[in-house]
Amino acid sequence: MTELYGETVFGADHDLEAMRLDALSRMFDPATRARLVQIARPGMRCLDVGAGLGRISGWLAEVCAQVIAVDRDTRLLADLHKVFPTVQVVEADITEDLALGTFDIVHSRLVLMHLRDRVDVFHRLADLVSPGGWLVLGEAVEAPALISPPQSPFRQLMEKHWRSLETAIGTDGQWGYRYPDLLREAGFVDIGVEMYQPPITPSSAAGQFFQLGFHHLRDRILADGLVDEATFDEAVKAMREPGFSDLGMGLLTAWARKPT
């Protein structure tokens, strides 16, 4: 059976999924907003794909004229309109055609890396950008650098959990590195790319995100035999110890403009 992100893995109905996405937002939203603020302008029409809790959609709504927040499961977006009335929430699958017109900004973060047909979806998103508009794509990439020694339980778990996601749903922790070439091949110009790698500490957003994620994936990782139970527990315990500090996955963001 083919598994999908948001169903058997990180489903919206999981007790801790809203908390995990909240930690993810606090971890990566500052970097995403810092990029979008460079291009978002009043009057723009924006599409936020894989909107999650809707934090970026809401921020865009404070700047732009129209924002459509798309997700395959919109249960966690149910109250977004109460805070941001101008945001339109659409439940849709980006792997299928979206009859939504074109946009001045199309943004997606941590979506395509989890899709097996990610190249096709990239071209779908590119087609949704209006001439002169911007495509902004962010993906998590396997930690470009780690401080812990290779034999440490934390490092073993951090590296091996990617393999578990790859096996289960096809996650590609290297996918984001392809964006500059794909954007160039698709005819985009003014291409840029940047990396943001936040610290993991017991109280940081990144630390909370990984503690919740590892809790969710525990049975799967142990069943896959990637790390043993003692190593798993030692890694999680180390993350909670005062003074622990390391680096987690990076957020690679690529952006480009479609010629007029």
C-alpha atoms as a PDB file:
ATOM      1  CA  MET A   1       0.000   0.000   0.000  1.00  0.00           C
ATOM      2  CA  THR A   2       1.299   3.468  -0.901  1.00  0.00           C
ATOM      3  CA  GLU A   3       1.365   5.691   2.181  1.00  0.00           C
ATOM      4  CA  LEU A   4       0.858   9.437   2.055  1.00  0.00           C
ATOM      5  CA  TYR A   5       2.006  12.302   4.229  1.00  0.00           C
ATOM      6  CA  GLY A   6      -0.987  13.552   6.202  1.00  0.00           C
ATOM      7  CA  GLU A   7      -2.683  10.176   6.324  1.00  0.00           C
ATOM      8  CA  THR A   8      -0.790   7.312   7.959  1.00  0.00           C
ATOM      9  CA  VAL A   9       2.168   9.629   8.633  1.00  0.00           C
ATOM     10  CA  PHE A  10       1.574  12.985  10.369  1.00  0.00           C
ATOM     11  CA  GLY A  11      -2.192  12.931   9.908  1.00  0.00           C
ATOM     12  CA  ALA A  12      -4.238  15.944  11.029  1.00  0.00           C
ATOM     13  CA  ASP A  13      -6.257  13.685  13.327  1.00  0.00           C
ATOM     14  CA  HIS A  14      -3.198  12.724  15.399  1.00  0.00           C
ATOM     15  CA  ASP A  15      -3.400  14.112  18.943  1.00  0.00           C
ATOM     16  CA  LEU A  16      -0.097  16.012  18.693  1.00  0.00           C
ATOM     17  CA  GLU A  17      -0.130  17.098  15.039  1.00  0.00           C
ATOM     18  CA  ALA A  18      -1.322  20.645  15.712  1.00  0.00           C
ATOM     19  CA  MET A  19       1.449  21.018  18.314  1.00  0.00           C
ATOM     20  CA  ARG A  20       4.047  19.656  15.880  1.00  0.00           C
ATOM     21  CA  LEU A  21       2.941  22.067  13.137  1.00  0.00           C
ATOM     22  CA  ASP A  22       2.944  24.935  15.626  1.00  0.00           C
ATOM     23  CA  ALA A  23       6.578  24.148  16.474  1.00  0.00           C
ATOM     24  CA  LEU A  24       7.370  23.908  12.761  1.00  0.00           C
ATOM     25  CA  SER A  25       5.823  27.327  12.171  1.00  0.00           C
ATOM     26  CA  ARG A  26       7.789  28.898  14.996  1.00  0.00           C
ATOM     27  CA  MET A  27      10.942  27.236  13.695  1.00  0.00           C
ATOM     28  CA  PHE A  28      10.709  28.259  10.028  1.00  0.00           C
ATOM     29  CA  ASP A  29       8.186  31.121   9.708  1.00  0.00           C
ATOM     30  CA  PRO A  30      10.717  33.877  10.482  1.00  0.00           C
ATOM     31  CA  ALA A  31      12.908  32.753   7.574  1.00  0.00           C
ATOM     32  CA  THR A  32       9.924  32.347   5.236  1.00  0.00           C
ATOM     33  CA  ARG A  33       8.478  35.750   6.087  1.00  0.00           C
ATOM     34  CA  ALA A  34      11.892  37.379   5.678  1.00  0.00           C
ATOM     35  CA  ARG A  35      11.943  36.109   2.099  1.00  0.00           C
ATOM     36  CA  LEU A  36       8.293  36.838   1.238  1.00  0.00           C
ATOM     37  CA  VAL A  37       8.469  40.390   2.603  1.00  0.00           C
ATOM     38  CA  GLN A  38      10.924  41.152  -0.190  1.00  0.00           C
ATOM     39  CA  ILE A  39       8.315  40.442  -2.885  1.00  0.00           C
ATOM     40  CA  ALA A  40       4.804  40.669  -1.356  1.00  0.00           C
ATOM     41  CA  ARG A  41       3.002  43.877  -2.303  1.00  0.00           C
ATOM     42  CA  PRO A  42      -0.523  45.321  -1.902  1.00  0.00           C
ATOM     43  CA  GLY A  43      -2.839  44.192  -4.663  1.00  0.00           C
ATOM     44  CA  MET A  44      -1.131  40.849  -5.236  1.00  0.00           C
ATOM     45  CA  ARG A  45      -3.028  37.576  -5.549  1.00  0.00           C
ATOM     46  CA  CYS A  46      -1.312  34.779  -3.596  1.00  0.00           C
ATOM     47  CA  LEU A  47      -1.524  31.007  -3.321  1.00  0.00           C
ATOM     48  CA  ASP A  48      -0.183  29.178  -0.254  1.00  0.00           C
ATOM     49  CA  VAL A  49       0.097  25.449  -0.991  1.00  0.00           C
ATOM     50  CA  GLY A  50       0.176  23.040   1.928  1.00  0.00           C
ATOM     51  CA  ALA A  51      -0.939  25.797   4.283  1.00  0.00           C
ATOM     52  CA  GLY A  52      -0.725  23.725   7.485  1.00  0.00           C
ATOM     53  CA  LEU A  53      -1.991  25.938  10.318  1.00  0.00           C
ATOM     54  CA  GLY A  54      -2.319  28.929   7.977  1.00  0.00           C
ATOM     55  CA  ARG A  55       0.299  31.158   9.602  1.00  0.00           C
ATOM     56  CA  ILE A  56       1.971  32.163   6.328  1.00  0.00           C
ATOM     57  CA  SER A  57      -1.418  32.521   4.612  1.00  0.00           C
ATOM     58  CA  GLY A  58      -2.495  34.887   7.379  1.00  0.00           C
ATOM     59  CA  TRP A  59       0.676  36.927   7.146  1.00  0.00           C
ATOM     60  CA  LEU A  60       0.278  37.250   3.372  1.00  0.00           C
ATOM     61  CA  ALA A  61      -3.328  38.396   3.895  1.00  0.00           C
ATOM     62  CA  GLU A  62      -2.055  41.362   5.901  1.00  0.00           C
ATOM     63  CA  VAL A  63      -0.064  42.532   2.878  1.00  0.00           C
ATOM     64  CA  CYS A  64      -1.750  41.260  -0.288  1.00  0.00           C
ATOM     65  CA  ALA A  65      -5.220  41.655  -1.780  1.00  0.00           C
ATOM     66  CA  GLN A  66      -6.227  37.991  -1.984  1.00  0.00           C
ATOM     67  CA  VAL A  67      -4.842  34.795  -0.475  1.00  0.00           C
ATOM     68  CA  ILE A  68      -5.961  31.243  -1.155  1.00  0.00           C
ATOM     69  CA  ALA A  69      -4.763  28.655   1.357  1.00  0.00           C
ATOM     70  CA  VAL A  70      -4.752  25.142  -0.114  1.00  0.00           C
ATOM     71  CA  ASP A  71      -4.322  21.884   1.753  1.00  0.00           C
ATOM     72  CA  ARG A  72      -5.401  18.311   1.154  1.00  0.00           C
ATOM     73  CA  ASP A  73      -6.830  18.241   4.691  1.00  0.00           C
ATOM     74  CA  THR A  74      -8.146  21.570   5.960  1.00  0.00           C
ATOM     75  CA  ARG A  75      -9.317  20.540   9.433  1.00  0.00           C
ATOM     76  CA  LEU A  76      -6.495  22.523  11.036  1.00  0.00           C
ATOM     77  CA  LEU A  77      -7.474  25.570   8.946  1.00  0.00           C
ATOM     78  CA  ALA A  78     -11.112  25.579  10.043  1.00  0.00           C
ATOM     79  CA  ASP A  79     -10.843  28.758  12.135  1.00  0.00           C
ATOM     80  CA  LEU A  80      -8.456  30.701   9.905  1.00  0.00           C
ATOM     81  CA  HIS A  81     -11.178  32.874   8.414  1.00  0.00           C
ATOM     82  CA  LYS A  82     -12.164  34.093  11.890  1.00  0.00           C
ATOM     83  CA  VAL A  83      -8.779  35.794  12.244  1.00  0.00           C
ATOM     84  CA  PHE A  84      -8.129  36.548   8.573  1.00  0.00           C
ATOM     85  CA  PRO A  85     -11.496  36.951   6.827  1.00  0.00           C
ATOM     86  CA  THR A  86      -9.911  37.622   3.429  1.00  0.00           C
ATOM     87  CA  VAL A  87      -8.176  34.234   3.290  1.00  0.00           C
ATOM     88  CA  GLN A  88     -10.053  31.652   1.227  1.00  0.00           C
ATOM     89  CA  VAL A  89      -9.422  28.070   2.369  1.00  0.00           C
ATOM     90  CA  VAL A  90      -9.613  25.430  -0.361  1.00  0.00           C
ATOM     91  CA  GLU A  91      -9.405  21.692   0.277  1.00  0.00           C
ATOM     92  CA  ALA A  92      -7.661  20.245  -2.760  1.00  0.00           C
ATOM     93  CA  ASP A  93      -4.918  17.872  -3.837  1.00  0.00           C
ATOM     94  CA  ILE A  94      -2.065  19.669  -5.575  1.00  0.00           C
ATOM     95  CA  THR A  95      -1.247  16.493  -7.501  1.00  0.00           C
ATOM     96  CA  GLU A  96      -4.468  17.133  -9.411  1.00  0.00           C
ATOM     97  CA  ASP A  97      -5.428  20.132 -11.544  1.00  0.00           C
ATOM     98  CA  LEU A  98      -6.435  23.243  -9.596  1.00  0.00           C
ATOM     99  CA  ALA A  99      -8.937  25.503 -11.364  1.00  0.00           C
ATOM    100  CA  LEU A 100      -7.921  28.599  -9.403  1.00  0.00           C
ATOM    101  CA  GLY A 101      -6.422  30.803 -12.077  1.00  0.00           C
ATOM    102  CA  THR A 102      -2.933  32.274 -11.784  1.00  0.00           C
ATOM    103  CA  PHE A 103      -1.184  34.170  -8.992  1.00  0.00           C
ATOM    104  CA  ASP A 104       1.391  36.872  -8.377  1.00  0.00           C
ATOM    105  CA  ILE A 105       2.956  34.713  -5.652  1.00  0.00           C
ATOM    106  CA  VAL A 106       2.803  30.939  -5.403  1.00  0.00           C
ATOM    107  CA  HIS A 107       4.334  29.676  -2.163  1.00  0.00           C
ATOM    108  CA  SER A 108       4.867  26.127  -0.946  1.00  0.00           C
ATOM    109  CA  ARG A 109       6.895  24.867   2.008  1.00  0.00           C
ATOM    110  CA  LEU A 110       7.731  21.275   2.982  1.00  0.00           C
ATOM    111  CA  VAL A 111       5.246  19.803   0.505  1.00  0.00           C
ATOM    112  CA  LEU A 112       6.937  18.535  -2.653  1.00  0.00           C
ATOM    113  CA  MET A 113       9.691  16.729  -0.740  1.00  0.00           C
ATOM    114  CA  HIS A 114       7.038  14.328   0.577  1.00  0.00           C
ATOM    115  CA  LEU A 115       5.452  13.602  -2.834  1.00  0.00           C
ATOM    116  CA  ARG A 116       6.607  10.822  -5.137  1.00  0.00           C
ATOM    117  CA  ASP A 117       5.463  12.764  -8.228  1.00  0.00           C
ATOM    118  CA  ARG A 118       7.239  15.940  -7.060  1.00  0.00           C
ATOM    119  CA  VAL A 119       8.622  16.897 -10.495  1.00  0.00           C
ATOM    120  CA  ASP A 120       5.137  16.941 -12.016  1.00  0.00           C
ATOM    121  CA  VAL A 121       3.831  18.968  -9.074  1.00  0.00           C
ATOM    122  CA  PHE A 122       6.688  21.463  -9.463  1.00  0.00           C
ATOM    123  CA  HIS A 123       5.566  22.111 -13.039  1.00  0.00           C
ATOM    124  CA  ARG A 124       1.941  22.431 -11.894  1.00  0.00           C
ATOM    125  CA  LEU A 125       2.971  25.135  -9.449  1.00  0.00           C
ATOM    126  CA  ALA A 126       5.101  26.867 -12.069  1.00  0.00           C
ATOM    127  CA  ASP A 127       2.083  26.999 -14.391  1.00  0.00           C
ATOM    128  CA  LEU A 128       0.047  28.758 -11.675  1.00  0.00           C
ATOM    129  CA  VAL A 129       2.414  31.756 -11.602  1.00  0.00           C
ATOM    130  CA  SER A 130       1.295  34.798 -13.575  1.00  0.00           C
ATOM    131  CA  PRO A 131       3.775  36.493 -15.944  1.00  0.00           C
ATOM    132  CA  GLY A 132       5.920  38.721 -13.746  1.00  0.00           C
ATOM    133  CA  GLY A 133       4.913  36.731 -10.664  1.00  0.00           C
ATOM    134  CA  TRP A 134       7.030  34.799  -8.192  1.00  0.00           C
ATOM    135  CA  LEU A 135       7.390  31.143  -7.270  1.00  0.00           C
ATOM    136  CA  VAL A 136       8.748  30.653  -3.727  1.00  0.00           C
ATOM    137  CA  LEU A 137       9.555  27.089  -2.680  1.00  0.00           C
ATOM    138  CA  GLY A 138      10.902  25.935   0.663  1.00  0.00           C
ATOM    139  CA  GLU A 139      11.974  22.411   1.563  1.00  0.00           C
ATOM    140  CA  ALA A 140      13.562  20.812   4.577  1.00  0.00           C
ATOM    141  CA  VAL A 141      16.896  19.244   3.743  1.00  0.00           C
ATOM    142  CA  GLU A 142      18.844  16.725   5.752  1.00  0.00           C
ATOM    143  CA  ALA A 143      21.000  18.606   8.239  1.00  0.00           C
ATOM    144  CA  PRO A 144      23.819  20.257   6.274  1.00  0.00           C
ATOM    145  CA  ALA A 145      25.862  20.164   9.484  1.00  0.00           C
ATOM    146  CA  LEU A 146      25.618  18.454  12.867  1.00  0.00           C
ATOM    147  CA  ILE A 147      27.679  19.067  15.980  1.00  0.00           C
ATOM    148  CA  SER A 148      27.219  15.718  17.722  1.00  0.00           C
ATOM    149  CA  PRO A 149      29.773  13.003  16.884  1.00  0.00           C
ATOM    150  CA  PRO A 150      28.697  10.338  14.350  1.00  0.00           C
ATOM    151  CA  GLN A 151      28.343   7.643  17.020  1.00  0.00           C
ATOM    152  CA  SER A 152      26.055   9.712  19.288  1.00  0.00           C
ATOM    153  CA  PRO A 153      22.475   8.418  19.709  1.00  0.00           C
ATOM    154  CA  PHE A 154      21.072  11.823  18.689  1.00  0.00           C
ATOM    155  CA  ARG A 155      22.972  11.907  15.430  1.00  0.00           C
ATOM    156  CA  GLN A 156      22.061   8.312  14.617  1.00  0.00           C
ATOM    157  CA  LEU A 157      18.374   9.019  15.174  1.00  0.00           C
ATOM    158  CA  MET A 158      18.457  12.327  13.283  1.00  0.00           C
ATOM    159  CA  GLU A 159      20.075  10.706  10.256  1.00  0.00           C
ATOM    160  CA  LYS A 160      18.085   7.449  10.296  1.00  0.00           C
ATOM    161  CA  HIS A 161      14.628   8.982  10.681  1.00  0.00           C
ATOM    162  CA  TRP A 162      14.996  10.327   7.128  1.00  0.00           C
ATOM    163  CA  ARG A 163      15.390   6.757   5.880  1.00  0.00           C
ATOM    164  CA  SER A 164      12.170   5.751   7.615  1.00  0.00           C
ATOM    165  CA  LEU A 165      10.237   8.583   5.956  1.00  0.00           C
ATOM    166  CA  GLU A 166      11.806   7.774   2.604  1.00  0.00           C
ATOM    167  CA  THR A 167      10.671   4.162   2.859  1.00  0.00           C
ATOM    168  CA  ALA A 168       7.173   5.008   4.090  1.00  0.00           C
ATOM    169  CA  ILE A 169       6.095   7.921   1.892  1.00  0.00           C
ATOM    170  CA  GLY A 170       8.993   8.654  -0.446  1.00  0.00           C
ATOM    171  CA  THR A 171      10.372  11.715   1.353  1.00  0.00           C
ATOM    172  CA  ASP A 172      13.492  13.107  -0.298  1.00  0.00           C
ATOM    173  CA  GLY A 173      15.682  15.109   2.070  1.00  0.00           C
ATOM    174  CA  GLN A 174      17.865  16.267  -0.834  1.00  0.00           C
ATOM    175  CA  TRP A 175      15.047  17.435  -3.127  1.00  0.00           C
ATOM    176  CA  GLY A 176      15.308  21.147  -2.369  1.00  0.00           C
ATOM    177  CA  TYR A 177      18.796  21.323  -3.865  1.00  0.00           C
ATOM    178  CA  ARG A 178      17.274  20.723  -7.303  1.00  0.00           C
ATOM    179  CA  TYR A 179      15.183  23.894  -7.325  1.00  0.00           C
ATOM    180  CA  PRO A 180      17.674  26.308  -8.924  1.00  0.00           C
ATOM    181  CA  ASP A 181      18.143  24.017 -11.931  1.00  0.00           C
ATOM    182  CA  LEU A 182      14.422  23.241 -12.214  1.00  0.00           C
ATOM    183  CA  LEU A 183      13.511  26.924 -12.071  1.00  0.00           C
ATOM    184  CA  ARG A 184      16.098  27.748 -14.718  1.00  0.00           C
ATOM    185  CA  GLU A 185      14.876  24.941 -16.986  1.00  0.00           C
ATOM    186  CA  ALA A 186      11.286  26.163 -16.548  1.00  0.00           C
ATOM    187  CA  GLY A 187      12.287  29.588 -17.878  1.00  0.00           C
ATOM    188  CA  PHE A 188      12.231  31.541 -14.622  1.00  0.00           C
ATOM    189  CA  VAL A 189      14.640  34.408 -13.994  1.00  0.00           C
ATOM    190  CA  ASP A 190      16.027  36.299 -10.976  1.00  0.00           C
ATOM    191  CA  ILE A 191      16.613  32.979  -9.250  1.00  0.00           C
ATOM    192  CA  GLY A 192      17.802  33.035  -5.645  1.00  0.00           C
ATOM    193  CA  VAL A 193      18.404  30.457  -2.937  1.00  0.00           C
ATOM    194  CA  GLU A 194      19.212  30.549   0.771  1.00  0.00           C
ATOM    195  CA  MET A 195      19.593  28.170   3.726  1.00  0.00           C
ATOM    196  CA  TYR A 196      18.364  28.541   7.289  1.00  0.00           C
ATOM    197  CA  GLN A 197      19.321  25.984   9.930  1.00  0.00           C
ATOM    198  CA  PRO A 198      17.849  26.661  13.389  1.00  0.00           C
ATOM    199  CA  PRO A 199      19.318  25.214  16.604  1.00  0.00           C
ATOM    200  CA  ILE A 200      17.899  22.283  18.512  1.00  0.00           C
ATOM    201  CA  THR A 201      17.810  22.881  22.263  1.00  0.00           C
ATOM    202  CA  PRO A 202      15.428  21.519  24.912  1.00  0.00           C
ATOM    203  CA  SER A 203      13.243  24.640  24.689  1.00  0.00           C
ATOM    204  CA  SER A 204      13.688  25.802  21.085  1.00  0.00           C
ATOM    205  CA  ALA A 205      10.988  25.441  18.453  1.00  0.00           C
ATOM    206  CA  ALA A 206      13.270  23.051  16.537  1.00  0.00           C
ATOM    207  CA  GLY A 207      13.821  20.969  19.657  1.00  0.00           C
ATOM    208  CA  GLN A 208      10.093  20.750  20.312  1.00  0.00           C
ATOM    209  CA  PHE A 209       9.398  19.925  16.664  1.00  0.00           C
ATOM    210  CA  PHE A 210      11.801  16.985  16.620  1.00  0.00           C
ATOM    211  CA  GLN A 211      10.736  15.664  20.000  1.00  0.00           C
ATOM    212  CA  LEU A 212       7.117  15.574  18.784  1.00  0.00           C
ATOM    213  CA  GLY A 213       8.115  14.152  15.398  1.00  0.00           C
ATOM    214  CA  PHE A 214      10.233  11.398  16.892  1.00  0.00           C
ATOM    215  CA  HIS A 215       7.405  10.528  19.287  1.00  0.00           C
ATOM    216  CA  HIS A 216       5.078  10.137  16.303  1.00  0.00           C
ATOM    217  CA  LEU A 217       7.565   8.052  14.324  1.00  0.00           C
ATOM    218  CA  ARG A 218       8.897   5.917  17.200  1.00  0.00           C
ATOM    219  CA  ASP A 219       7.085   2.651  16.398  1.00  0.00           C
ATOM    220  CA  ARG A 220       7.807   3.021  12.687  1.00  0.00           C
ATOM    221  CA  ILE A 221      11.524   3.717  13.136  1.00  0.00           C
ATOM    222  CA  LEU A 222      11.947   0.829  15.580  1.00  0.00           C
ATOM    223  CA  ALA A 223       9.995  -1.523  13.300  1.00  0.00           C
ATOM    224  CA  ASP A 224      12.236  -0.532  10.391  1.00  0.00           C
ATOM    225  CA  GLY A 225      15.249  -1.580  12.473  1.00  0.00           C
ATOM    226  CA  LEU A 226      17.105   1.649  11.723  1.00  0.00           C
ATOM    227  CA  VAL A 227      18.021   2.223  15.360  1.00  0.00           C
ATOM    228  CA  ASP A 228      17.404   0.037  18.385  1.00  0.00           C
ATOM    229  CA  GLU A 229      15.135   1.024  21.260  1.00  0.00           C
ATOM    230  CA  ALA A 230      18.007   1.930  23.609  1.00  0.00           C
ATOM    231  CA  THR A 231      19.557   4.267  21.029  1.00  0.00           C
ATOM    232  CA  PHE A 232      16.196   5.885  20.317  1.00  0.00           C
ATOM    233  CA  ASP A 233      15.476   6.524  23.993  1.00  0.00           C
ATOM    234  CA  GLU A 234      18.992   7.808  24.669  1.00  0.00           C
ATOM    235  CA  ALA A 235      18.701  10.250  21.762  1.00  0.00           C
ATOM    236  CA  VAL A 236      15.384  11.670  22.960  1.00  0.00           C
ATOM    237  CA  LYS A 237      16.671  11.883  26.542  1.00  0.00           C
ATOM    238  CA  ALA A 238      19.768  13.764  25.371  1.00  0.00           C
ATOM    239  CA  MET A 239      17.602  16.328  23.554  1.00  0.00           C
ATOM    240  CA  ARG A 240      15.856  17.143  26.840  1.00  0.00           C
ATOM    241  CA  GLU A 241      19.000  17.574  28.905  1.00  0.00           C
ATOM    242  CA  PRO A 242      19.864  21.143  29.992  1.00  0.00           C
ATOM    243  CA  GLY A 243      22.676  22.470  27.865  1.00  0.00           C
ATOM    244  CA  PHE A 244      21.999  20.235  24.860  1.00  0.00           C
ATOM    245  CA  SER A 245      22.503  22.049  21.575  1.00  0.00           C
ATOM    246  CA  ASP A 246      22.848  20.825  18.021  1.00  0.00           C
ATOM    247  CA  LEU A 247      21.580  21.622  14.557  1.00  0.00           C
ATOM    248  CA  GLY A 248      18.513  20.198  12.892  1.00  0.00           C
ATOM    249  CA  MET A 249      17.305  20.048   9.333  1.00  0.00           C
ATOM    250  CA  GLY A 250      17.866  23.078   7.175  1.00  0.00           C
ATOM    251  CA  LEU A 251      15.202  25.061   5.368  1.00  0.00           C
ATOM    252  CA  LEU A 252      16.309  25.642   1.782  1.00  0.00           C
ATOM    253  CA  THR A 253      14.228  28.349   0.126  1.00  0.00           C
ATOM    254  CA  ALA A 254      14.418  29.035  -3.594  1.00  0.00           C
ATOM    255  CA  TRP A 255      12.592  31.832  -5.396  1.00  0.00           C
ATOM    256  CA  ALA A 256      12.327  33.032  -8.970  1.00  0.00           C
ATOM    257  CA  ARG A 257      10.274  35.306 -11.222  1.00  0.00           C
ATOM    258  CA  LYS A 258       8.364  34.285 -14.313  1.00  0.00           C
ATOM    259  CA  PRO A 259       9.238  36.616 -17.213  1.00  0.00           C
ATOM    260  CA  THR A 260       6.507  38.924 -18.492  1.00  0.00           C
END
